PDB file of all heavy atoms in Angstrom:
ATOM      1  N   MET A   1     -21.695  53.978 -41.068  1.00  0.00           N
ATOM      2  CA  MET A   1     -20.252  53.829 -41.116  1.00  0.00           C
ATOM      3  C   MET A   1     -19.768  54.177 -42.523  1.00  0.00           C
ATOM      4  O   MET A   1     -20.314  53.708 -43.513  1.00  0.00           O
ATOM      5  CB  MET A   1     -19.880  52.392 -40.761  1.00  0.00           C
ATOM      6  CG  MET A   1     -18.433  52.089 -40.969  1.00  0.00           C
ATOM      7  SD  MET A   1     -17.966  50.468 -40.397  1.00  0.00           S
ATOM      8  CE  MET A   1     -18.097  50.734 -38.675  1.00  0.00           C
ATOM      9  N   ALA A   2     -18.757  54.997 -42.614  1.00  0.00           N
ATOM     10  CA  ALA A   2     -18.207  55.394 -43.903  1.00  0.00           C
ATOM     11  C   ALA A   2     -17.377  54.266 -44.493  1.00  0.00           C
ATOM     12  O   ALA A   2     -16.876  53.398 -43.792  1.00  0.00           O
ATOM     13  CB  ALA A   2     -17.341  56.638 -43.726  1.00  0.00           C
ATOM     14  N   ARG A   3     -17.249  54.276 -45.791  1.00  0.00           N
ATOM     15  CA  ARG A   3     -16.498  53.227 -46.470  1.00  0.00           C
ATOM     16  C   ARG A   3     -15.018  53.262 -46.096  1.00  0.00           C
ATOM     17  O   ARG A   3     -14.327  52.265 -46.159  1.00  0.00           O
ATOM     18  CB  ARG A   3     -16.667  53.358 -47.973  1.00  0.00           C
ATOM     19  CG  ARG A   3     -16.141  52.165 -48.714  1.00  0.00           C
ATOM     20  CD  ARG A   3     -16.587  52.100 -50.143  1.00  0.00           C
ATOM     21  NE  ARG A   3     -18.004  51.986 -50.307  1.00  0.00           N
ATOM     22  CZ  ARG A   3     -18.639  50.843 -50.527  1.00  0.00           C
ATOM     23  NH1 ARG A   3     -17.976  49.737 -50.594  1.00  0.00           N
ATOM     24  NH2 ARG A   3     -19.940  50.819 -50.699  1.00  0.00           N
ATOM     25  N   GLU A   4     -14.510  54.421 -45.666  1.00  0.00           N
ATOM     26  CA  GLU A   4     -13.108  54.521 -45.273  1.00  0.00           C
ATOM     27  C   GLU A   4     -12.821  53.757 -43.985  1.00  0.00           C
ATOM     28  O   GLU A   4     -11.687  53.419 -43.702  1.00  0.00           O
ATOM     29  CB  GLU A   4     -12.701  55.986 -45.083  1.00  0.00           C
ATOM     30  CG  GLU A   4     -12.783  56.824 -46.319  1.00  0.00           C
ATOM     31  CD  GLU A   4     -14.180  57.389 -46.549  1.00  0.00           C
ATOM     32  OE1 GLU A   4     -14.901  57.638 -45.568  1.00  0.00           O
ATOM     33  OE2 GLU A   4     -14.554  57.550 -47.714  1.00  0.00           O
ATOM     34  N   ASP A   5     -13.856  53.493 -43.183  1.00  0.00           N
ATOM     35  CA  ASP A   5     -13.677  52.792 -41.918  1.00  0.00           C
ATOM     36  C   ASP A   5     -13.544  51.286 -42.087  1.00  0.00           C
ATOM     37  O   ASP A   5     -13.164  50.595 -41.147  1.00  0.00           O
ATOM     38  CB  ASP A   5     -14.856  53.065 -40.981  1.00  0.00           C
ATOM     39  CG  ASP A   5     -14.921  54.522 -40.578  1.00  0.00           C
ATOM     40  OD1 ASP A   5     -13.894  55.213 -40.696  1.00  0.00           O
ATOM     41  OD2 ASP A   5     -15.997  54.960 -40.150  1.00  0.00           O
ATOM     42  N   LEU A   6     -13.867  50.756 -43.268  1.00  0.00           N
ATOM     43  CA  LEU A   6     -13.827  49.317 -43.482  1.00  0.00           C
ATOM     44  C   LEU A   6     -12.397  48.825 -43.675  1.00  0.00           C
ATOM     45  O   LEU A   6     -11.551  49.519 -44.239  1.00  0.00           O
ATOM     46  CB  LEU A   6     -14.666  48.941 -44.709  1.00  0.00           C
ATOM     47  CG  LEU A   6     -16.149  49.261 -44.631  1.00  0.00           C
ATOM     48  CD1 LEU A   6     -16.831  48.888 -45.942  1.00  0.00           C
ATOM     49  CD2 LEU A   6     -16.794  48.535 -43.481  1.00  0.00           C
ATOM     50  N   ILE A   7     -12.149  47.603 -43.238  1.00  0.00           N
ATOM     51  CA  ILE A   7     -10.853  46.956 -43.428  1.00  0.00           C
ATOM     52  C   ILE A   7     -10.941  46.118 -44.699  1.00  0.00           C
ATOM     53  O   ILE A   7     -11.820  45.268 -44.823  1.00  0.00           O
ATOM     54  CB  ILE A   7     -10.520  46.054 -42.229  1.00  0.00           C
ATOM     55  CG1 ILE A   7     -10.493  46.881 -40.943  1.00  0.00           C
ATOM     56  CG2 ILE A   7      -9.201  45.326 -42.446  1.00  0.00           C
ATOM     57  CD1 ILE A   7     -10.487  46.043 -39.688  1.00  0.00           C
ATOM     58  N   GLU A   8     -10.058  46.368 -45.672  1.00  0.00           N
ATOM     59  CA  GLU A   8     -10.078  45.646 -46.944  1.00  0.00           C
ATOM     60  C   GLU A   8      -9.305  44.341 -46.821  1.00  0.00           C
ATOM     61  O   GLU A   8      -8.125  44.350 -46.472  1.00  0.00           O
ATOM     62  CB  GLU A   8      -9.444  46.496 -48.055  1.00  0.00           C
ATOM     63  CG  GLU A   8     -10.324  47.608 -48.550  1.00  0.00           C
ATOM     64  CD  GLU A   8     -11.455  47.114 -49.429  1.00  0.00           C
ATOM     65  OE1 GLU A   8     -11.262  46.158 -50.185  1.00  0.00           O
ATOM     66  OE2 GLU A   8     -12.537  47.702 -49.334  1.00  0.00           O
ATOM     67  N   LEU A   9      -9.964  43.219 -47.099  1.00  0.00           N
ATOM     68  CA  LEU A   9      -9.344  41.901 -47.094  1.00  0.00           C
ATOM     69  C   LEU A   9      -9.656  41.191 -48.391  1.00  0.00           C
ATOM     70  O   LEU A   9     -10.634  41.518 -49.062  1.00  0.00           O
ATOM     71  CB  LEU A   9      -9.870  41.078 -45.906  1.00  0.00           C
ATOM     72  CG  LEU A   9      -9.639  41.660 -44.512  1.00  0.00           C
ATOM     73  CD1 LEU A   9     -10.392  40.836 -43.483  1.00  0.00           C
ATOM     74  CD2 LEU A   9      -8.176  41.696 -44.186  1.00  0.00           C
ATOM     75  N   GLU A  10      -8.836  40.195 -48.745  1.00  0.00           N
ATOM     76  CA  GLU A  10      -9.085  39.411 -49.950  1.00  0.00           C
ATOM     77  C   GLU A  10      -9.428  37.989 -49.576  1.00  0.00           C
ATOM     78  O   GLU A  10      -8.983  37.474 -48.554  1.00  0.00           O
ATOM     79  CB  GLU A  10      -7.858  39.435 -50.865  1.00  0.00           C
ATOM     80  CG  GLU A  10      -7.617  40.776 -51.500  1.00  0.00           C
ATOM     81  CD  GLU A  10      -6.640  40.693 -52.639  1.00  0.00           C
ATOM     82  OE1 GLU A  10      -6.405  39.589 -53.166  1.00  0.00           O
ATOM     83  OE2 GLU A  10      -6.103  41.741 -53.000  1.00  0.00           O
ATOM     84  N   GLY A  11     -10.240  37.367 -50.441  1.00  0.00           N
ATOM     85  CA  GLY A  11     -10.632  35.991 -50.181  1.00  0.00           C
ATOM     86  C   GLY A  11     -11.237  35.344 -51.406  1.00  0.00           C
ATOM     87  O   GLY A  11     -11.257  35.923 -52.498  1.00  0.00           O
ATOM     88  N   THR A  12     -11.751  34.135 -51.224  1.00  0.00           N
ATOM     89  CA  THR A  12     -12.337  33.342 -52.297  1.00  0.00           C
ATOM     90  C   THR A  12     -13.759  32.954 -51.914  1.00  0.00           C
ATOM     91  O   THR A  12     -14.015  32.569 -50.779  1.00  0.00           O
ATOM     92  CB  THR A  12     -11.506  32.067 -52.526  1.00  0.00           C
ATOM     93  OG1 THR A  12     -10.154  32.438 -52.763  1.00  0.00           O
ATOM     94  CG2 THR A  12     -12.020  31.282 -53.717  1.00  0.00           C
ATOM     95  N   ILE A  13     -14.670  33.019 -52.883  1.00  0.00           N
ATOM     96  CA  ILE A  13     -16.056  32.621 -52.652  1.00  0.00           C
ATOM     97  C   ILE A  13     -16.093  31.099 -52.516  1.00  0.00           C
ATOM     98  O   ILE A  13     -15.657  30.378 -53.405  1.00  0.00           O
ATOM     99  CB  ILE A  13     -16.955  33.058 -53.819  1.00  0.00           C
ATOM    100  CG1 ILE A  13     -16.909  34.560 -54.026  1.00  0.00           C
ATOM    101  CG2 ILE A  13     -18.384  32.569 -53.605  1.00  0.00           C
ATOM    102  CD1 ILE A  13     -17.542  35.359 -52.938  1.00  0.00           C
ATOM    103  N   THR A  14     -16.613  30.614 -51.375  1.00  0.00           N
ATOM    104  CA  THR A  14     -16.682  29.168 -51.155  1.00  0.00           C
ATOM    105  C   THR A  14     -18.102  28.633 -51.174  1.00  0.00           C
ATOM    106  O   THR A  14     -18.285  27.435 -51.355  1.00  0.00           O
ATOM    107  CB  THR A  14     -16.041  28.785 -49.806  1.00  0.00           C
ATOM    108  OG1 THR A  14     -16.703  29.486 -48.756  1.00  0.00           O
ATOM    109  CG2 THR A  14     -14.561  29.109 -49.803  1.00  0.00           C
ATOM    110  N   ASP A  15     -19.095  29.507 -50.979  1.00  0.00           N
ATOM    111  CA  ASP A  15     -20.481  29.046 -50.968  1.00  0.00           C
ATOM    112  C   ASP A  15     -21.383  30.204 -51.348  1.00  0.00           C
ATOM    113  O   ASP A  15     -21.106  31.354 -51.008  1.00  0.00           O
ATOM    114  CB  ASP A  15     -20.848  28.514 -49.582  1.00  0.00           C
ATOM    115  CG  ASP A  15     -22.085  27.635 -49.595  1.00  0.00           C
ATOM    116  OD1 ASP A  15     -22.527  27.264 -50.697  1.00  0.00           O
ATOM    117  OD2 ASP A  15     -22.600  27.325 -48.513  1.00  0.00           O
ATOM    118  N   VAL A  16     -22.468  29.878 -52.067  1.00  0.00           N
ATOM    119  CA  VAL A  16     -23.443  30.883 -52.492  1.00  0.00           C
ATOM    120  C   VAL A  16     -24.766  30.573 -51.800  1.00  0.00           C
ATOM    121  O   VAL A  16     -25.241  29.449 -51.848  1.00  0.00           O
ATOM    122  CB  VAL A  16     -23.618  30.861 -54.026  1.00  0.00           C
ATOM    123  CG1 VAL A  16     -24.623  31.902 -54.463  1.00  0.00           C
ATOM    124  CG2 VAL A  16     -22.288  31.068 -54.719  1.00  0.00           C
ATOM    125  N   HIS A  17     -25.335  31.589 -51.151  1.00  0.00           N
ATOM    126  CA  HIS A  17     -26.600  31.437 -50.434  1.00  0.00           C
ATOM    127  C   HIS A  17     -27.681  32.262 -51.125  1.00  0.00           C
ATOM    128  O   HIS A  17     -27.376  33.233 -51.816  1.00  0.00           O
ATOM    129  CB  HIS A  17     -26.448  31.911 -48.988  1.00  0.00           C
ATOM    130  CG  HIS A  17     -25.385  31.198 -48.227  1.00  0.00           C
ATOM    131  ND1 HIS A  17     -25.522  29.909 -47.792  1.00  0.00           N
ATOM    132  CD2 HIS A  17     -24.148  31.589 -47.851  1.00  0.00           C
ATOM    133  CE1 HIS A  17     -24.428  29.543 -47.154  1.00  0.00           C
ATOM    134  NE2 HIS A  17     -23.563  30.555 -47.184  1.00  0.00           N
ATOM    135  N   PRO A  18     -28.954  31.916 -50.919  1.00  0.00           N
ATOM    136  CA  PRO A  18     -30.023  32.734 -51.495  1.00  0.00           C
ATOM    137  C   PRO A  18     -30.063  34.127 -50.863  1.00  0.00           C
ATOM    138  O   PRO A  18     -29.616  34.322 -49.736  1.00  0.00           O
ATOM    139  CB  PRO A  18     -31.304  31.962 -51.153  1.00  0.00           C
ATOM    140  CG  PRO A  18     -30.909  30.786 -50.365  1.00  0.00           C
ATOM    141  CD  PRO A  18     -29.435  30.747 -50.232  1.00  0.00           C
ATOM    142  N   GLY A  19     -30.598  35.067 -51.615  1.00  0.00           N
ATOM    143  CA  GLY A  19     -30.729  36.421 -51.100  1.00  0.00           C
ATOM    144  C   GLY A  19     -29.490  37.270 -51.282  1.00  0.00           C
ATOM    145  O   GLY A  19     -29.365  38.313 -50.645  1.00  0.00           O
ATOM    146  N   GLY A  20     -28.560  36.853 -52.115  1.00  0.00           N
ATOM    147  CA  GLY A  20     -27.374  37.659 -52.370  1.00  0.00           C
ATOM    148  C   GLY A  20     -26.299  37.555 -51.318  1.00  0.00           C
ATOM    149  O   GLY A  20     -25.453  38.438 -51.212  1.00  0.00           O
ATOM    150  N   LEU A  21     -26.298  36.493 -50.516  1.00  0.00           N
ATOM    151  CA  LEU A  21     -25.258  36.282 -49.519  1.00  0.00           C
ATOM    152  C   LEU A  21     -24.243  35.266 -50.020  1.00  0.00           C
ATOM    153  O   LEU A  21     -24.588  34.326 -50.735  1.00  0.00           O
ATOM    154  CB  LEU A  21     -25.858  35.781 -48.205  1.00  0.00           C
ATOM    155  CG  LEU A  21     -26.605  36.800 -47.370  1.00  0.00           C
ATOM    156  CD1 LEU A  21     -27.215  36.115 -46.158  1.00  0.00           C
ATOM    157  CD2 LEU A  21     -25.706  37.918 -46.935  1.00  0.00           C
ATOM    158  N   PHE A  22     -22.993  35.474 -49.627  1.00  0.00           N
ATOM    159  CA  PHE A  22     -21.908  34.592 -50.020  1.00  0.00           C
ATOM    160  C   PHE A  22     -21.072  34.260 -48.794  1.00  0.00           C
ATOM    161  O   PHE A  22     -20.950  35.074 -47.882  1.00  0.00           O
ATOM    162  CB  PHE A  22     -21.000  35.276 -51.054  1.00  0.00           C
ATOM    163  CG  PHE A  22     -21.719  35.648 -52.325  1.00  0.00           C
ATOM    164  CD1 PHE A  22     -22.309  36.884 -52.461  1.00  0.00           C
ATOM    165  CD2 PHE A  22     -21.786  34.756 -53.373  1.00  0.00           C
ATOM    166  CE1 PHE A  22     -22.965  37.238 -53.620  1.00  0.00           C
ATOM    167  CE2 PHE A  22     -22.439  35.091 -54.545  1.00  0.00           C
ATOM    168  CZ  PHE A  22     -23.035  36.335 -54.663  1.00  0.00           C
ATOM    169  N   THR A  23     -20.483  33.067 -48.785  1.00  0.00           N
ATOM    170  CA  THR A  23     -19.487  32.727 -47.779  1.00  0.00           C
ATOM    171  C   THR A  23     -18.130  32.930 -48.423  1.00  0.00           C
ATOM    172  O   THR A  23     -17.860  32.409 -49.494  1.00  0.00           O
ATOM    173  CB  THR A  23     -19.639  31.264 -47.315  1.00  0.00           C
ATOM    174  OG1 THR A  23     -20.945  31.097 -46.787  1.00  0.00           O
ATOM    175  CG2 THR A  23     -18.622  30.932 -46.255  1.00  0.00           C
ATOM    176  N   VAL A  24     -17.281  33.722 -47.767  1.00  0.00           N
ATOM    177  CA  VAL A  24     -15.969  34.065 -48.295  1.00  0.00           C
ATOM    178  C   VAL A  24     -14.910  33.509 -47.352  1.00  0.00           C
ATOM    179  O   VAL A  24     -14.924  33.775 -46.156  1.00  0.00           O
ATOM    180  CB  VAL A  24     -15.801  35.591 -48.431  1.00  0.00           C
ATOM    181  CG1 VAL A  24     -14.432  35.940 -48.972  1.00  0.00           C
ATOM    182  CG2 VAL A  24     -16.889  36.174 -49.308  1.00  0.00           C
ATOM    183  N   LYS A  25     -13.977  32.718 -47.905  1.00  0.00           N
ATOM    184  CA  LYS A  25     -12.830  32.217 -47.151  1.00  0.00           C
ATOM    185  C   LYS A  25     -11.717  33.244 -47.301  1.00  0.00           C
ATOM    186  O   LYS A  25     -11.160  33.431 -48.387  1.00  0.00           O
ATOM    187  CB  LYS A  25     -12.393  30.855 -47.694  1.00  0.00           C
ATOM    188  CG  LYS A  25     -11.103  30.334 -47.106  1.00  0.00           C
ATOM    189  CD  LYS A  25     -11.262  30.009 -45.642  1.00  0.00           C
ATOM    190  CE  LYS A  25      -9.966  29.394 -45.130  1.00  0.00           C
ATOM    191  NZ  LYS A  25      -9.871  29.444 -43.706  1.00  0.00           N
ATOM    192  N   LEU A  26     -11.414  33.949 -46.214  1.00  0.00           N
ATOM    193  CA  LEU A  26     -10.381  34.977 -46.259  1.00  0.00           C
ATOM    194  C   LEU A  26      -8.999  34.355 -46.325  1.00  0.00           C
ATOM    195  O   LEU A  26      -8.773  33.267 -45.806  1.00  0.00           O
ATOM    196  CB  LEU A  26     -10.491  35.878 -45.026  1.00  0.00           C
ATOM    197  CG  LEU A  26     -11.792  36.652 -44.877  1.00  0.00           C
ATOM    198  CD1 LEU A  26     -11.780  37.433 -43.576  1.00  0.00           C
ATOM    199  CD2 LEU A  26     -12.006  37.577 -46.048  1.00  0.00           C
ATOM    200  N   ASP A  27      -8.054  35.059 -46.959  1.00  0.00           N
ATOM    201  CA  ASP A  27      -6.683  34.573 -47.069  1.00  0.00           C
ATOM    202  C   ASP A  27      -6.019  34.465 -45.701  1.00  0.00           C
ATOM    203  O   ASP A  27      -5.230  33.575 -45.456  1.00  0.00           O
ATOM    204  CB  ASP A  27      -5.852  35.505 -47.952  1.00  0.00           C
ATOM    205  CG  ASP A  27      -6.310  35.463 -49.405  1.00  0.00           C
ATOM    206  OD1 ASP A  27      -6.998  34.495 -49.783  1.00  0.00           O
ATOM    207  OD2 ASP A  27      -5.976  36.404 -50.134  1.00  0.00           O
ATOM    208  N   GLN A  28      -6.343  35.393 -44.808  1.00  0.00           N
ATOM    209  CA  GLN A  28      -5.663  35.440 -43.514  1.00  0.00           C
ATOM    210  C   GLN A  28      -6.633  35.297 -42.355  1.00  0.00           C
ATOM    211  O   GLN A  28      -6.494  35.969 -41.340  1.00  0.00           O
ATOM    212  CB  GLN A  28      -4.895  36.752 -43.389  1.00  0.00           C
ATOM    213  CG  GLN A  28      -5.706  37.930 -43.868  1.00  0.00           C
ATOM    214  CD  GLN A  28      -4.959  39.208 -43.799  1.00  0.00           C
ATOM    215  OE1 GLN A  28      -5.021  39.840 -42.782  1.00  0.00           O
ATOM    216  NE2 GLN A  28      -4.265  39.592 -44.846  1.00  0.00           N
ATOM    217  N   GLY A  29      -7.606  34.416 -42.497  1.00  0.00           N
ATOM    218  CA  GLY A  29      -8.540  34.280 -41.394  1.00  0.00           C
ATOM    219  C   GLY A  29      -9.665  33.313 -41.669  1.00  0.00           C
ATOM    220  O   GLY A  29      -9.583  32.479 -42.561  1.00  0.00           O
ATOM    221  N   PRO A  30     -10.751  33.457 -40.907  1.00  0.00           N
ATOM    222  CA  PRO A  30     -11.863  32.512 -40.993  1.00  0.00           C
ATOM    223  C   PRO A  30     -12.804  32.814 -42.157  1.00  0.00           C
ATOM    224  O   PRO A  30     -12.604  33.764 -42.911  1.00  0.00           O
ATOM    225  CB  PRO A  30     -12.574  32.725 -39.666  1.00  0.00           C
ATOM    226  CG  PRO A  30     -12.341  34.171 -39.369  1.00  0.00           C
ATOM    227  CD  PRO A  30     -10.947  34.451 -39.870  1.00  0.00           C
ATOM    228  N   ASP A  31     -13.866  32.016 -42.269  1.00  0.00           N
ATOM    229  CA  ASP A  31     -14.923  32.273 -43.243  1.00  0.00           C
ATOM    230  C   ASP A  31     -15.836  33.371 -42.700  1.00  0.00           C
ATOM    231  O   ASP A  31     -16.091  33.433 -41.506  1.00  0.00           O
ATOM    232  CB  ASP A  31     -15.767  31.016 -43.460  1.00  0.00           C
ATOM    233  CG  ASP A  31     -14.975  29.907 -44.144  1.00  0.00           C
ATOM    234  OD1 ASP A  31     -13.861  30.190 -44.620  1.00  0.00           O
ATOM    235  OD2 ASP A  31     -15.483  28.789 -44.204  1.00  0.00           O
ATOM    236  N   ILE A  32     -16.320  34.236 -43.584  1.00  0.00           N
ATOM    237  CA  ILE A  32     -17.270  35.272 -43.190  1.00  0.00           C
ATOM    238  C   ILE A  32     -18.435  35.278 -44.167  1.00  0.00           C
ATOM    239  O   ILE A  32     -18.321  34.776 -45.289  1.00  0.00           O
ATOM    240  CB  ILE A  32     -16.624  36.671 -43.134  1.00  0.00           C
ATOM    241  CG1 ILE A  32     -16.164  37.117 -44.520  1.00  0.00           C
ATOM    242  CG2 ILE A  32     -15.480  36.722 -42.154  1.00  0.00           C
ATOM    243  CD1 ILE A  32     -15.800  38.578 -44.589  1.00  0.00           C
TER     244      ILE A  32
END
């Protein structure tokens, strides 16, 4: 998938997981 196909959203980091994963609370939606 090309980078142009991605939907850009903003959010805040709420949790840090091992292995370089983060939980992000989006401004207009759920946690991802």
